[in-house]
Amino acid sequence: MPRIREALRAFNETVGDRAQMHLAPLVGAAAALVADLFFRSNAQALVLIGLAVTIAVSEARDWTRHRARADCRRSIAGLVRGMLDAPLDLTRGDPLHLGDYLTLRRLAERGRAGAIGMVAGFGGPAYSLAEALDALALSFETEIVRCYGKMRSRDQARVDAFGDALKMAASAPGPMADPPPGTDYKAMESRLTGALSAALIETVAAGDRLSEAFDASAHRFASAAREAADITQKAREWDAAAALYANALEAVQLVHEGGEIPYADPDELARRLREARDIGLRVDSVSYAAATDPVREAHRSITYGDLFDALELLERIRRGEAQTAEMTRVRELVDRTNPDLSRLDSLRR
C-alpha cells in the first residue's frame, strides 16, 4: 500500500505540473480564437500550429528535466548507500584495527547497543572518528552540488535530512579529542557518546529513507545483499570460534592427560605445559583472524595468560630463580584453564 500511495502521489504531481506548464499557451490560444471569432481574422490554423509547437517544446524540455532529476536521484541514492556501508579509516589509536571493518551502519548498531565508547574514547580515537565523519560530510556536500538545484523540494528535504544528521554526528566526538583540564571525563563521555549514538542512528535512518525513496529497487537489492553478507559473516565467525575452541580444548586436555595434573613431578608438568602452549600457538591463523575480539581474547587468555605464564614460572622454579612456594601460583594458573575454556565455549554458541 505505501508504494501504491507514493505512485499515486507522484502521478498527481505530474498531472499538476503538466496543467501548470500548458495553462499559458492554452489561454493564449483561447484568446486568439475569440479574437478570430469577433474580428473575422483568419488566424485559426496559425493558432493551432503555434499551440502544438509550444506544447511539444515544453514537453521535450520537461522530459529532459525529468530524466535529469531521475538520474540525480539514483546517483545520490547510490552515493548515500556507499557512505553507509563503506569501511571507515579509523587508524589513530586503533590497535585492534576496528576501522578495517567498521562502517556508519555498524557504528549506529554499536550506538544502539550502548557500545560506541570503544571507538570514541578520549584523544586519538575520538579525533580519528571526527576526522572520518567530517570527510564524509564534506564529500557528500561536494558530490550533490550538481544535482541539488535540479531536485524537487521534497527530495531536497530528504537530502538535507541526511546531510544534517551526518554533520551532527561529525561534530559530536570533537570535544573528546582534546578535553580541557579539570573535565569530568566520565560525565562528558556519557553525554557525548549518547549524542553521537543518536546522531549516527538518525544518519543511517535518514540515509535508508532517502535510498528507498530515490531508488527503491536498488535499495531492496542492497538490503538483501547486506543481509546475506551479514549472515555469511556470522557463519564465518561461528566457524572461527569453533576452531579456536577445538584448539584450546586440545591444549587443556593435554595438561589433564590421564585425568590428573602431575604437580608432584615438575619435569612432567613442564613437558605437558610446553606441548599444550605450542598447540595453542599453532592455532589456524585464518580462523584466528576471522574470530570476534572476545573469542580471540578468551583463546589468548588460555594460551598466554594460563599456559605460557604457568610454564615460565615453573621453569624459574626448576632453575632455582623462584621460591618453591611459587608452585601455588603455578597451580592457580593451571587450574584456571578449565573455567577459561568454559568461557570460550560460551562465546562460540
C-alpha atoms as a PDB file:
ATOM      1  CA  MET A   1       0.000   0.000   0.000  1.00  0.00           C
ATOM      2  CA  PRO A   2       2.701   2.616   0.775  1.00  0.00           C
ATOM      3  CA  ARG A   3       4.251   2.080  -2.659  1.00  0.00           C
ATOM      4  CA  ILE A   4       0.824   2.471  -4.312  1.00  0.00           C
ATOM      5  CA  ARG A   5       0.152   5.703  -2.423  1.00  0.00           C
ATOM      6  CA  GLU A   6       3.593   7.016  -3.391  1.00  0.00           C
ATOM      7  CA  ALA A   7       2.960   6.176  -7.058  1.00  0.00           C
ATOM      8  CA  LEU A   8      -0.428   7.909  -6.996  1.00  0.00           C
ATOM      9  CA  ARG A   9       1.091  10.961  -5.321  1.00  0.00           C
ATOM     10  CA  ALA A  10       3.795  11.153  -7.980  1.00  0.00           C
ATOM     11  CA  PHE A  11       1.167  10.777 -10.736  1.00  0.00           C
ATOM     12  CA  ASN A  12      -0.947  13.588  -9.313  1.00  0.00           C
ATOM     13  CA  GLU A  13       2.094  15.855  -9.070  1.00  0.00           C
ATOM     14  CA  THR A  14       2.991  15.089 -12.687  1.00  0.00           C
ATOM     15  CA  VAL A  15      -0.543  15.915 -13.851  1.00  0.00           C
ATOM     16  CA  GLY A  16      -0.440  19.152 -11.871  1.00  0.00           C
ATOM     17  CA  ASP A  17       2.899  20.076 -13.389  1.00  0.00           C
ATOM     18  CA  ARG A  18       1.610  19.427 -16.881  1.00  0.00           C
ATOM     19  CA  ALA A  19      -1.504  21.539 -16.251  1.00  0.00           C
ATOM     20  CA  GLN A  20       0.567  24.461 -14.971  1.00  0.00           C
ATOM     21  CA  MET A  21       3.038  24.149 -17.835  1.00  0.00           C
ATOM     22  CA  HIS A  22       0.345  24.190 -20.562  1.00  0.00           C
ATOM     23  CA  LEU A  23      -2.022  26.699 -18.976  1.00  0.00           C
ATOM     24  CA  ALA A  24      -0.372  29.772 -20.522  1.00  0.00           C
ATOM     25  CA  PRO A  25      -0.324  28.513 -24.142  1.00  0.00           C
ATOM     26  CA  LEU A  26      -3.922  27.243 -23.798  1.00  0.00           C
ATOM     27  CA  VAL A  27      -5.122  30.618 -22.541  1.00  0.00           C
ATOM     28  CA  GLY A  28      -3.252  32.338 -25.368  1.00  0.00           C
ATOM     29  CA  ALA A  29      -4.814  30.030 -27.913  1.00  0.00           C
ATOM     30  CA  ALA A  30      -8.317  30.630 -26.488  1.00  0.00           C
ATOM     31  CA  ALA A  31      -7.799  34.393 -26.676  1.00  0.00           C
ATOM     32  CA  ALA A  32      -6.672  34.130 -30.285  1.00  0.00           C
ATOM     33  CA  LEU A  33      -9.723  32.034 -31.182  1.00  0.00           C
ATOM     34  CA  VAL A  34     -12.041  34.569 -29.545  1.00  0.00           C
ATOM     35  CA  ALA A  35     -10.334  37.345 -31.498  1.00  0.00           C
ATOM     36  CA  ASP A  36     -10.806  35.356 -34.696  1.00  0.00           C
ATOM     37  CA  LEU A  37     -14.498  34.821 -33.888  1.00  0.00           C
ATOM     38  CA  PHE A  38     -15.280  38.502 -33.244  1.00  0.00           C
ATOM     39  CA  PHE A  39     -12.849  40.174 -35.622  1.00  0.00           C
ATOM     40  CA  ARG A  40     -13.095  37.714 -38.502  1.00  0.00           C
ATOM     41  CA  SER A  41      -9.322  37.233 -38.670  1.00  0.00           C
ATOM     42  CA  ASN A  42      -8.323  34.013 -40.392  1.00  0.00           C
ATOM     43  CA  ALA A  43      -5.657  33.005 -37.777  1.00  0.00           C
ATOM     44  CA  GLN A  44      -7.179  29.720 -36.610  1.00  0.00           C
ATOM     45  CA  ALA A  45      -4.657  27.497 -38.299  1.00  0.00           C
ATOM     46  CA  LEU A  46      -1.741  29.565 -37.105  1.00  0.00           C
ATOM     47  CA  VAL A  47      -3.043  29.499 -33.545  1.00  0.00           C
ATOM     48  CA  LEU A  48      -3.420  25.738 -33.533  1.00  0.00           C
ATOM     49  CA  ILE A  49       0.008  25.223 -35.037  1.00  0.00           C
ATOM     50  CA  GLY A  50       1.568  27.594 -32.509  1.00  0.00           C
ATOM     51  CA  LEU A  51      -0.208  25.801 -29.685  1.00  0.00           C
ATOM     52  CA  ALA A  52       1.052  22.424 -30.846  1.00  0.00           C
ATOM     53  CA  VAL A  53       4.603  23.660 -31.222  1.00  0.00           C
ATOM     54  CA  THR A  54       4.562  25.341 -27.801  1.00  0.00           C
ATOM     55  CA  ILE A  55       3.291  22.201 -26.073  1.00  0.00           C
ATOM     56  CA  ALA A  56       5.756  19.989 -27.928  1.00  0.00           C
ATOM     57  CA  VAL A  57       8.704  22.168 -26.953  1.00  0.00           C
ATOM     58  CA  SER A  58       7.524  22.361 -23.339  1.00  0.00           C
ATOM     59  CA  GLU A  59       7.057  18.581 -23.204  1.00  0.00           C
ATOM     60  CA  ALA A  60      10.539  17.978 -24.568  1.00  0.00           C
ATOM     61  CA  ARG A  61      12.100  20.413 -22.115  1.00  0.00           C
ATOM     62  CA  ASP A  62      10.199  18.922 -19.166  1.00  0.00           C
ATOM     63  CA  TRP A  63      11.037  15.370 -20.196  1.00  0.00           C
ATOM     64  CA  THR A  64      14.725  16.288 -20.274  1.00  0.00           C
ATOM     65  CA  ARG A  65      14.425  17.788 -16.805  1.00  0.00           C
ATOM     66  CA  HIS A  66      12.552  14.726 -15.572  1.00  0.00           C
ATOM     67  CA  ARG A  67      15.282  12.422 -16.845  1.00  0.00           C
ATOM     68  CA  ALA A  68      17.952  14.599 -15.239  1.00  0.00           C
ATOM     69  CA  ARG A  69      16.103  14.520 -11.900  1.00  0.00           C
ATOM     70  CA  ALA A  70      15.704  10.750 -12.096  1.00  0.00           C
ATOM     71  CA  ASP A  71      19.418  10.313 -12.824  1.00  0.00           C
ATOM     72  CA  CYS A  72      20.269  12.588  -9.911  1.00  0.00           C
ATOM     73  CA  ARG A  73      18.003  10.665  -7.530  1.00  0.00           C
ATOM     74  CA  ARG A  74      19.623   7.357  -8.479  1.00  0.00           C
ATOM     75  CA  SER A  75      23.105   8.860  -8.242  1.00  0.00           C
ATOM     76  CA  ILE A  76      22.529  10.351  -4.784  1.00  0.00           C
ATOM     77  CA  ALA A  77      20.884   7.160  -3.534  1.00  0.00           C
ATOM     78  CA  GLY A  78      23.930   5.146  -4.603  1.00  0.00           C
ATOM     79  CA  LEU A  79      26.244   7.703  -3.007  1.00  0.00           C
ATOM     80  CA  VAL A  80      24.408   7.503   0.325  1.00  0.00           C
ATOM     81  CA  ARG A  81      24.305   3.690   0.335  1.00  0.00           C
ATOM     82  CA  GLY A  82      28.033   3.666  -0.347  1.00  0.00           C
ATOM     83  CA  MET A  83      28.684   6.049   2.554  1.00  0.00           C
ATOM     84  CA  LEU A  84      26.623   3.989   4.989  1.00  0.00           C
ATOM     85  CA  ASP A  85      28.384   0.728   4.141  1.00  0.00           C
ATOM     86  CA  ALA A  86      31.953   1.811   3.303  1.00  0.00           C
ATOM     87  CA  PRO A  87      34.690   0.863   5.840  1.00  0.00           C
ATOM     88  CA  LEU A  88      35.929   3.872   7.788  1.00  0.00           C
ATOM     89  CA  ASP A  89      39.613   4.662   8.065  1.00  0.00           C
ATOM     90  CA  LEU A  90      39.885   4.818  11.876  1.00  0.00           C
ATOM     91  CA  THR A  91      43.635   4.359  12.230  1.00  0.00           C
ATOM     92  CA  ARG A  92      44.618   6.737  15.005  1.00  0.00           C
ATOM     93  CA  GLY A  93      44.650   4.998  18.401  1.00  0.00           C
ATOM     94  CA  ASP A  94      43.178   1.853  16.878  1.00  0.00           C
ATOM     95  CA  PRO A  95      45.365  -1.107  17.930  1.00  0.00           C
ATOM     96  CA  LEU A  96      42.589  -3.594  17.145  1.00  0.00           C
ATOM     97  CA  HIS A  97      42.158  -2.219  13.600  1.00  0.00           C
ATOM     98  CA  LEU A  98      38.426  -1.725  14.147  1.00  0.00           C
ATOM     99  CA  GLY A  99      38.432   0.723  11.249  1.00  0.00           C
ATOM    100  CA  ASP A 100      39.127  -2.145   8.886  1.00  0.00           C
ATOM    101  CA  TYR A 101      35.507  -3.245   9.149  1.00  0.00           C
ATOM    102  CA  LEU A 102      33.544  -0.521  10.963  1.00  0.00           C
ATOM    103  CA  THR A 103      31.030   1.381   8.836  1.00  0.00           C
ATOM    104  CA  LEU A 104      28.491   4.083   9.614  1.00  0.00           C
ATOM    105  CA  ARG A 105      25.832   1.378   9.788  1.00  0.00           C
ATOM    106  CA  ARG A 106      27.875  -0.737  12.218  1.00  0.00           C
ATOM    107  CA  LEU A 107      28.712   2.331  14.292  1.00  0.00           C
ATOM    108  CA  ALA A 108      24.980   3.012  14.583  1.00  0.00           C
ATOM    109  CA  GLU A 109      24.435  -0.599  15.699  1.00  0.00           C
ATOM    110  CA  ARG A 110      27.131  -0.136  18.351  1.00  0.00           C
ATOM    111  CA  GLY A 111      25.479   3.098  19.432  1.00  0.00           C
ATOM    112  CA  ARG A 112      22.108   1.380  19.691  1.00  0.00           C
ATOM    113  CA  ALA A 113      23.729  -1.295  21.883  1.00  0.00           C
ATOM    114  CA  GLY A 114      25.494   1.322  24.042  1.00  0.00           C
ATOM    115  CA  ALA A 115      28.960   0.180  22.896  1.00  0.00           C
ATOM    116  CA  ILE A 116      30.170   3.220  20.960  1.00  0.00           C
ATOM    117  CA  GLY A 117      32.769   4.123  23.595  1.00  0.00           C
ATOM    118  CA  MET A 118      35.348   1.661  22.255  1.00  0.00           C
ATOM    119  CA  VAL A 119      35.811   3.709  19.076  1.00  0.00           C
ATOM    120  CA  ALA A 120      35.064   7.153  20.509  1.00  0.00           C
ATOM    121  CA  GLY A 121      37.361   7.280  23.529  1.00  0.00           C
ATOM    122  CA  PHE A 122      39.230  10.404  24.554  1.00  0.00           C
ATOM    123  CA  GLY A 123      42.187  11.541  22.485  1.00  0.00           C
ATOM    124  CA  GLY A 124      43.207   9.719  19.311  1.00  0.00           C
ATOM    125  CA  PRO A 125      40.123   7.518  18.794  1.00  0.00           C
ATOM    126  CA  ALA A 126      37.731  10.484  19.105  1.00  0.00           C
ATOM    127  CA  TYR A 127      39.896  12.610  16.813  1.00  0.00           C
ATOM    128  CA  SER A 128      40.109   9.848  14.206  1.00  0.00           C
ATOM    129  CA  LEU A 129      36.350   9.292  14.256  1.00  0.00           C
ATOM    130  CA  ALA A 130      35.587  13.028  13.998  1.00  0.00           C
ATOM    131  CA  GLU A 131      38.053  13.327  11.112  1.00  0.00           C
ATOM    132  CA  ALA A 132      36.482  10.402   9.229  1.00  0.00           C
ATOM    133  CA  LEU A 133      32.920  11.690   9.682  1.00  0.00           C
ATOM    134  CA  ASP A 134      33.961  15.233   8.700  1.00  0.00           C
ATOM    135  CA  ALA A 135      35.463  13.850   5.495  1.00  0.00           C
ATOM    136  CA  LEU A 136      32.232  12.019   4.693  1.00  0.00           C
ATOM    137  CA  ALA A 137      30.114  15.122   5.315  1.00  0.00           C
ATOM    138  CA  LEU A 138      32.355  17.269   3.090  1.00  0.00           C
ATOM    139  CA  SER A 139      32.384  14.626   0.370  1.00  0.00           C
ATOM    140  CA  PHE A 140      28.585  14.426   0.442  1.00  0.00           C
ATOM    141  CA  GLU A 141      28.187  18.182   0.060  1.00  0.00           C
ATOM    142  CA  THR A 142      30.641  18.210  -2.842  1.00  0.00           C
ATOM    143  CA  GLU A 143      29.016  15.325  -4.688  1.00  0.00           C
ATOM    144  CA  ILE A 144      25.432  16.649  -4.554  1.00  0.00           C
ATOM    145  CA  VAL A 145      26.196  20.187  -5.815  1.00  0.00           C
ATOM    146  CA  ARG A 146      25.497  19.310  -9.458  1.00  0.00           C
ATOM    147  CA  CYS A 147      22.114  17.741  -8.700  1.00  0.00           C
ATOM    148  CA  TYR A 148      20.702  19.610  -5.725  1.00  0.00           C
ATOM    149  CA  GLY A 149      19.264  22.545  -7.694  1.00  0.00           C
ATOM    150  CA  LYS A 150      17.517  20.233 -10.160  1.00  0.00           C
ATOM    151  CA  MET A 151      15.544  18.379  -7.487  1.00  0.00           C
ATOM    152  CA  ARG A 152      12.042  18.995  -6.209  1.00  0.00           C
ATOM    153  CA  SER A 153      11.656  20.469  -2.731  1.00  0.00           C
ATOM    154  CA  ARG A 154      10.585  17.196  -1.097  1.00  0.00           C
ATOM    155  CA  ASP A 155      13.690  15.465  -2.466  1.00  0.00           C
ATOM    156  CA  GLN A 156      15.888  18.333  -1.316  1.00  0.00           C
ATOM    157  CA  ALA A 157      14.390  17.901   2.157  1.00  0.00           C
ATOM    158  CA  ARG A 158      15.461  14.230   2.201  1.00  0.00           C
ATOM    159  CA  VAL A 159      18.978  15.196   1.111  1.00  0.00           C
ATOM    160  CA  ASP A 160      19.136  17.908   3.781  1.00  0.00           C
ATOM    161  CA  ALA A 161      17.961  15.483   6.491  1.00  0.00           C
ATOM    162  CA  PHE A 162      20.780  13.068   5.734  1.00  0.00           C
ATOM    163  CA  GLY A 163      23.408  15.799   5.427  1.00  0.00           C
ATOM    164  CA  ASP A 164      22.352  17.493   8.685  1.00  0.00           C
ATOM    165  CA  ALA A 165      22.405  14.219  10.632  1.00  0.00           C
ATOM    166  CA  LEU A 166      25.861  13.392   9.270  1.00  0.00           C
ATOM    167  CA  LYS A 167      27.175  16.829  10.272  1.00  0.00           C
ATOM    168  CA  MET A 168      25.717  16.378  13.754  1.00  0.00           C
ATOM    169  CA  ALA A 169      27.466  13.011  14.085  1.00  0.00           C
ATOM    170  CA  ALA A 170      30.751  14.526  12.886  1.00  0.00           C
ATOM    171  CA  SER A 171      30.630  17.291  15.491  1.00  0.00           C
ATOM    172  CA  ALA A 172      29.875  15.024  18.486  1.00  0.00           C
ATOM    173  CA  PRO A 173      33.287  13.358  19.123  1.00  0.00           C
ATOM    174  CA  GLY A 174      35.336  16.526  18.510  1.00  0.00           C
ATOM    175  CA  PRO A 175      35.361  17.820  22.126  1.00  0.00           C
ATOM    176  CA  MET A 176      36.636  14.425  23.315  1.00  0.00           C
ATOM    177  CA  ALA A 177      39.755  14.682  21.149  1.00  0.00           C
ATOM    178  CA  ASP A 178      41.272  17.409  23.345  1.00  0.00           C
ATOM    179  CA  PRO A 179      39.220  17.891  26.531  1.00  0.00           C
ATOM    180  CA  PRO A 180      40.102  20.867  28.747  1.00  0.00           C
ATOM    181  CA  PRO A 181      41.823  20.274  32.113  1.00  0.00           C
ATOM    182  CA  GLY A 182      39.536  19.573  35.022  1.00  0.00           C
ATOM    183  CA  THR A 183      36.915  17.929  32.836  1.00  0.00           C
ATOM    184  CA  ASP A 184      34.590  15.394  34.415  1.00  0.00           C
ATOM    185  CA  TYR A 185      35.618  12.772  31.876  1.00  0.00           C
ATOM    186  CA  LYS A 186      33.039  10.173  32.779  1.00  0.00           C
ATOM    187  CA  ALA A 187      30.113  12.604  32.546  1.00  0.00           C
ATOM    188  CA  MET A 188      31.485  14.134  29.360  1.00  0.00           C
ATOM    189  CA  GLU A 189      31.968  10.750  27.715  1.00  0.00           C
ATOM    190  CA  SER A 190      28.461   9.650  28.659  1.00  0.00           C
ATOM    191  CA  ARG A 191      26.926  12.855  27.292  1.00  0.00           C
ATOM    192  CA  LEU A 192      28.914  12.972  24.055  1.00  0.00           C
ATOM    193  CA  THR A 193      28.714   9.281  23.220  1.00  0.00           C
ATOM    194  CA  GLY A 194      24.965   9.476  23.803  1.00  0.00           C
ATOM    195  CA  ALA A 195      24.694  12.395  21.377  1.00  0.00           C
ATOM    196  CA  LEU A 196      26.974  10.634  18.895  1.00  0.00           C
ATOM    197  CA  SER A 197      24.939   7.427  19.058  1.00  0.00           C
ATOM    198  CA  ALA A 198      21.680   9.317  18.478  1.00  0.00           C
ATOM    199  CA  ALA A 199      23.172  11.205  15.523  1.00  0.00           C
ATOM    200  CA  LEU A 200      24.590   8.025  13.966  1.00  0.00           C
ATOM    201  CA  ILE A 201      21.286   6.202  14.328  1.00  0.00           C
ATOM    202  CA  GLU A 202      19.432   9.126  12.712  1.00  0.00           C
ATOM    203  CA  THR A 203      22.055   9.364   9.935  1.00  0.00           C
ATOM    204  CA  VAL A 204      21.546   5.731   8.970  1.00  0.00           C
ATOM    205  CA  ALA A 205      17.749   6.043   9.219  1.00  0.00           C
ATOM    206  CA  ALA A 206      17.724   9.200   7.059  1.00  0.00           C
ATOM    207  CA  GLY A 207      20.061   7.556   4.556  1.00  0.00           C
ATOM    208  CA  ASP A 208      17.855   4.485   4.269  1.00  0.00           C
ATOM    209  CA  ARG A 209      14.749   6.645   3.821  1.00  0.00           C
ATOM    210  CA  LEU A 210      16.487   8.610   1.071  1.00  0.00           C
ATOM    211  CA  SER A 211      17.761   5.472  -0.655  1.00  0.00           C
ATOM    212  CA  GLU A 212      14.339   3.817  -0.655  1.00  0.00           C
ATOM    213  CA  ALA A 213      12.577   6.966  -1.894  1.00  0.00           C
ATOM    214  CA  PHE A 214      15.107   7.740  -4.639  1.00  0.00           C
ATOM    215  CA  ASP A 215      15.786   4.217  -5.952  1.00  0.00           C
ATOM    216  CA  ALA A 216      13.545   1.599  -4.348  1.00  0.00           C
ATOM    217  CA  SER A 217      14.668  -1.403  -6.406  1.00  0.00           C
ATOM    218  CA  ALA A 218      18.391  -0.764  -5.824  1.00  0.00           C
ATOM    219  CA  HIS A 219      17.672  -0.158  -2.135  1.00  0.00           C
ATOM    220  CA  ARG A 220      15.928  -3.542  -1.800  1.00  0.00           C
ATOM    221  CA  PHE A 221      18.741  -5.278  -3.672  1.00  0.00           C
ATOM    222  CA  ALA A 222      21.410  -3.659  -1.473  1.00  0.00           C
ATOM    223  CA  SER A 223      19.488  -4.561   1.692  1.00  0.00           C
ATOM    224  CA  ALA A 224      19.206  -8.189   0.614  1.00  0.00           C
ATOM    225  CA  ALA A 225      22.905  -8.331  -0.313  1.00  0.00           C
ATOM    226  CA  ARG A 226      23.868  -6.775   3.012  1.00  0.00           C
ATOM    227  CA  GLU A 227      21.712  -9.236   4.922  1.00  0.00           C
ATOM    228  CA  ALA A 228      23.287 -12.143   3.039  1.00  0.00           C
ATOM    229  CA  ALA A 229      26.751 -10.752   3.767  1.00  0.00           C
ATOM    230  CA  ASP A 230      25.900 -10.389   7.473  1.00  0.00           C
ATOM    231  CA  ILE A 231      24.696 -13.979   7.597  1.00  0.00           C
ATOM    232  CA  THR A 232      27.885 -15.100   5.865  1.00  0.00           C
ATOM    233  CA  GLN A 233      29.978 -13.071   8.311  1.00  0.00           C
ATOM    234  CA  LYS A 234      28.165 -14.582  11.300  1.00  0.00           C
ATOM    235  CA  ALA A 235      28.724 -18.065   9.909  1.00  0.00           C
ATOM    236  CA  ARG A 236      32.412 -17.305   9.362  1.00  0.00           C
ATOM    237  CA  GLU A 237      32.739 -16.022  12.931  1.00  0.00           C
ATOM    238  CA  TRP A 238      30.955 -19.101  14.282  1.00  0.00           C
ATOM    239  CA  ASP A 239      33.283 -21.430  12.374  1.00  0.00           C
ATOM    240  CA  ALA A 240      36.300 -19.465  13.592  1.00  0.00           C
ATOM    241  CA  ALA A 241      35.120 -19.643  17.215  1.00  0.00           C
ATOM    242  CA  ALA A 242      34.638 -23.390  16.869  1.00  0.00           C
ATOM    243  CA  ALA A 243      38.195 -23.755  15.501  1.00  0.00           C
ATOM    244  CA  LEU A 244      39.701 -21.712  18.373  1.00  0.00           C
ATOM    245  CA  TYR A 245      37.712 -23.684  20.928  1.00  0.00           C
ATOM    246  CA  ALA A 246      38.859 -27.007  19.460  1.00  0.00           C
ATOM    247  CA  ASN A 247      42.466 -25.804  19.578  1.00  0.00           C
ATOM    248  CA  ALA A 248      42.193 -24.643  23.199  1.00  0.00           C
ATOM    249  CA  LEU A 249      40.389 -27.833  24.206  1.00  0.00           C
ATOM    250  CA  GLU A 250      43.208 -29.955  22.760  1.00  0.00           C
ATOM    251  CA  ALA A 251      45.776 -27.941  24.711  1.00  0.00           C
ATOM    252  CA  VAL A 252      43.876 -28.157  28.012  1.00  0.00           C
ATOM    253  CA  GLN A 253      43.189 -31.884  27.598  1.00  0.00           C
ATOM    254  CA  LEU A 254      46.907 -32.486  27.159  1.00  0.00           C
ATOM    255  CA  VAL A 255      47.611 -30.809  30.511  1.00  0.00           C
ATOM    256  CA  HIS A 256      44.949 -33.006  32.136  1.00  0.00           C
ATOM    257  CA  GLU A 257      46.169 -36.157  30.377  1.00  0.00           C
ATOM    258  CA  GLY A 258      45.262 -39.287  32.309  1.00  0.00           C
ATOM    259  CA  GLY A 259      42.716 -37.420  34.397  1.00  0.00           C
ATOM    260  CA  GLU A 260      45.209 -35.719  36.708  1.00  0.00           C
ATOM    261  CA  ILE A 261      47.819 -32.956  36.688  1.00  0.00           C
ATOM    262  CA  PRO A 262      51.339 -34.069  37.771  1.00  0.00           C
ATOM    263  CA  TYR A 263      52.085 -31.297  40.272  1.00  0.00           C
ATOM    264  CA  ALA A 264      54.412 -33.676  42.148  1.00  0.00           C
ATOM    265  CA  ASP A 265      56.545 -34.169  39.026  1.00  0.00           C
ATOM    266  CA  PRO A 266      57.765 -30.741  37.807  1.00  0.00           C
ATOM    267  CA  ASP A 267      59.549 -32.252  34.790  1.00  0.00           C
ATOM    268  CA  GLU A 268      56.402 -33.989  33.523  1.00  0.00           C
ATOM    269  CA  LEU A 269      54.274 -30.919  34.258  1.00  0.00           C
ATOM    270  CA  ALA A 270      56.737 -28.717  32.336  1.00  0.00           C
ATOM    271  CA  ARG A 271      56.592 -31.094  29.351  1.00  0.00           C
ATOM    272  CA  ARG A 272      52.790 -31.001  29.277  1.00  0.00           C
ATOM    273  CA  LEU A 273      52.637 -27.242  29.642  1.00  0.00           C
ATOM    274  CA  ARG A 274      55.206 -26.738  26.891  1.00  0.00           C
ATOM    275  CA  GLU A 275      53.391 -29.014  24.451  1.00  0.00           C
ATOM    276  CA  ALA A 276      49.998 -27.500  25.341  1.00  0.00           C
ATOM    277  CA  ARG A 277      51.379 -23.999  24.843  1.00  0.00           C
ATOM    278  CA  ASP A 278      52.780 -24.993  21.447  1.00  0.00           C
ATOM    279  CA  ILE A 279      49.383 -26.358  20.437  1.00  0.00           C
ATOM    280  CA  GLY A 280      47.781 -23.031  21.342  1.00  0.00           C
ATOM    281  CA  LEU A 281      50.403 -21.102  19.392  1.00  0.00           C
ATOM    282  CA  ARG A 282      49.768 -23.216  16.287  1.00  0.00           C
ATOM    283  CA  VAL A 283      46.122 -22.179  16.042  1.00  0.00           C
ATOM    284  CA  ASP A 284      44.921 -21.651  12.469  1.00  0.00           C
ATOM    285  CA  SER A 285      45.760 -18.049  11.556  1.00  0.00           C
ATOM    286  CA  VAL A 286      42.781 -17.662   9.195  1.00  0.00           C
ATOM    287  CA  SER A 287      40.345 -18.747  11.902  1.00  0.00           C
ATOM    288  CA  TYR A 288      42.066 -16.515  14.429  1.00  0.00           C
ATOM    289  CA  ALA A 289      41.714 -13.503  12.139  1.00  0.00           C
ATOM    290  CA  ALA A 290      38.033 -14.249  11.405  1.00  0.00           C
ATOM    291  CA  ALA A 291      37.066 -14.673  15.063  1.00  0.00           C
ATOM    292  CA  THR A 292      35.482 -11.868  17.077  1.00  0.00           C
ATOM    293  CA  ASP A 293      37.548  -9.877  19.567  1.00  0.00           C
ATOM    294  CA  PRO A 294      36.035 -11.582  22.669  1.00  0.00           C
ATOM    295  CA  VAL A 295      36.735 -15.049  21.234  1.00  0.00           C
ATOM    296  CA  ARG A 296      40.335 -14.143  20.393  1.00  0.00           C
ATOM    297  CA  GLU A 297      40.842 -12.671  23.849  1.00  0.00           C
ATOM    298  CA  ALA A 298      39.432 -15.800  25.537  1.00  0.00           C
ATOM    299  CA  HIS A 299      41.738 -18.033  23.492  1.00  0.00           C
ATOM    300  CA  ARG A 300      44.694 -15.775  24.232  1.00  0.00           C
ATOM    301  CA  SER A 301      44.000 -15.870  27.980  1.00  0.00           C
ATOM    302  CA  ILE A 302      44.345 -19.668  27.901  1.00  0.00           C
ATOM    303  CA  THR A 303      47.441 -19.807  25.688  1.00  0.00           C
ATOM    304  CA  TYR A 304      49.340 -16.856  27.176  1.00  0.00           C
ATOM    305  CA  GLY A 305      47.605 -15.937  30.426  1.00  0.00           C
ATOM    306  CA  ASP A 306      47.386 -19.525  31.730  1.00  0.00           C
ATOM    307  CA  LEU A 307      49.713 -21.977  29.967  1.00  0.00           C
ATOM    308  CA  PHE A 308      52.535 -19.615  28.980  1.00  0.00           C
ATOM    309  CA  ASP A 309      52.703 -17.868  32.372  1.00  0.00           C
ATOM    310  CA  ALA A 310      52.486 -21.162  34.264  1.00  0.00           C
ATOM    311  CA  LEU A 311      55.297 -22.680  32.206  1.00  0.00           C
ATOM    312  CA  GLU A 312      57.527 -19.622  32.600  1.00  0.00           C
ATOM    313  CA  LEU A 313      57.073 -19.597  36.387  1.00  0.00           C
ATOM    314  CA  LEU A 314      57.626 -23.356  36.631  1.00  0.00           C
ATOM    315  CA  GLU A 315      60.865 -23.098  34.651  1.00  0.00           C
ATOM    316  CA  ARG A 316      62.103 -20.369  37.009  1.00  0.00           C
ATOM    317  CA  ILE A 317      61.350 -22.642  39.990  1.00  0.00           C
ATOM    318  CA  ARG A 318      63.218 -25.511  38.362  1.00  0.00           C
ATOM    319  CA  ARG A 319      66.233 -23.280  37.723  1.00  0.00           C
ATOM    320  CA  GLY A 320      66.196 -22.049  41.299  1.00  0.00           C
ATOM    321  CA  GLU A 321      65.299 -18.496  40.304  1.00  0.00           C
ATOM    322  CA  ALA A 322      61.984 -18.570  42.205  1.00  0.00           C
ATOM    323  CA  GLN A 323      60.872 -19.953  45.541  1.00  0.00           C
ATOM    324  CA  THR A 324      59.226 -23.345  45.693  1.00  0.00           C
ATOM    325  CA  ALA A 325      56.291 -21.609  47.341  1.00  0.00           C
ATOM    326  CA  GLU A 326      55.583 -20.066  43.939  1.00  0.00           C
ATOM    327  CA  MET A 327      54.246 -23.501  42.969  1.00  0.00           C
ATOM    328  CA  THR A 328      50.936 -22.358  44.435  1.00  0.00           C
ATOM    329  CA  ARG A 329      50.737 -19.714  41.715  1.00  0.00           C
ATOM    330  CA  VAL A 330      51.524 -22.351  39.072  1.00  0.00           C
ATOM    331  CA  ARG A 331      48.601 -24.399  40.380  1.00  0.00           C
ATOM    332  CA  GLU A 332      46.296 -21.389  40.195  1.00  0.00           C
ATOM    333  CA  LEU A 333      47.249 -20.705  36.591  1.00  0.00           C
ATOM    334  CA  VAL A 334      46.842 -24.326  35.507  1.00  0.00           C
ATOM    335  CA  ASP A 335      43.542 -24.720  37.368  1.00  0.00           C
ATOM    336  CA  ARG A 336      42.273 -21.571  35.648  1.00  0.00           C
ATOM    337  CA  THR A 337      42.358 -23.257  32.231  1.00  0.00           C
ATOM    338  CA  ASN A 338      39.052 -25.067  32.792  1.00  0.00           C
ATOM    339  CA  PRO A 339      36.915 -22.002  33.624  1.00  0.00           C
ATOM    340  CA  ASP A 340      38.628 -20.042  30.853  1.00  0.00           C
ATOM    341  CA  LEU A 341      37.847 -22.861  28.435  1.00  0.00           C
ATOM    342  CA  SER A 342      34.203 -22.782  29.570  1.00  0.00           C
ATOM    343  CA  ARG A 343      34.103 -19.044  28.893  1.00  0.00           C
ATOM    344  CA  LEU A 344      35.447 -19.605  25.384  1.00  0.00           C
ATOM    345  CA  ASP A 345      32.851 -22.333  24.859  1.00  0.00           C
ATOM    346  CA  SER A 346      30.030 -19.979  25.871  1.00  0.00           C
ATOM    347  CA  LEU A 347      31.222 -17.311  23.431  1.00  0.00           C
ATOM    348  CA  ARG A 348      31.008 -19.619  20.436  1.00  0.00           C
ATOM    349  CA  ARG A 349      27.370 -20.582  20.963  1.00  0.00           C
END
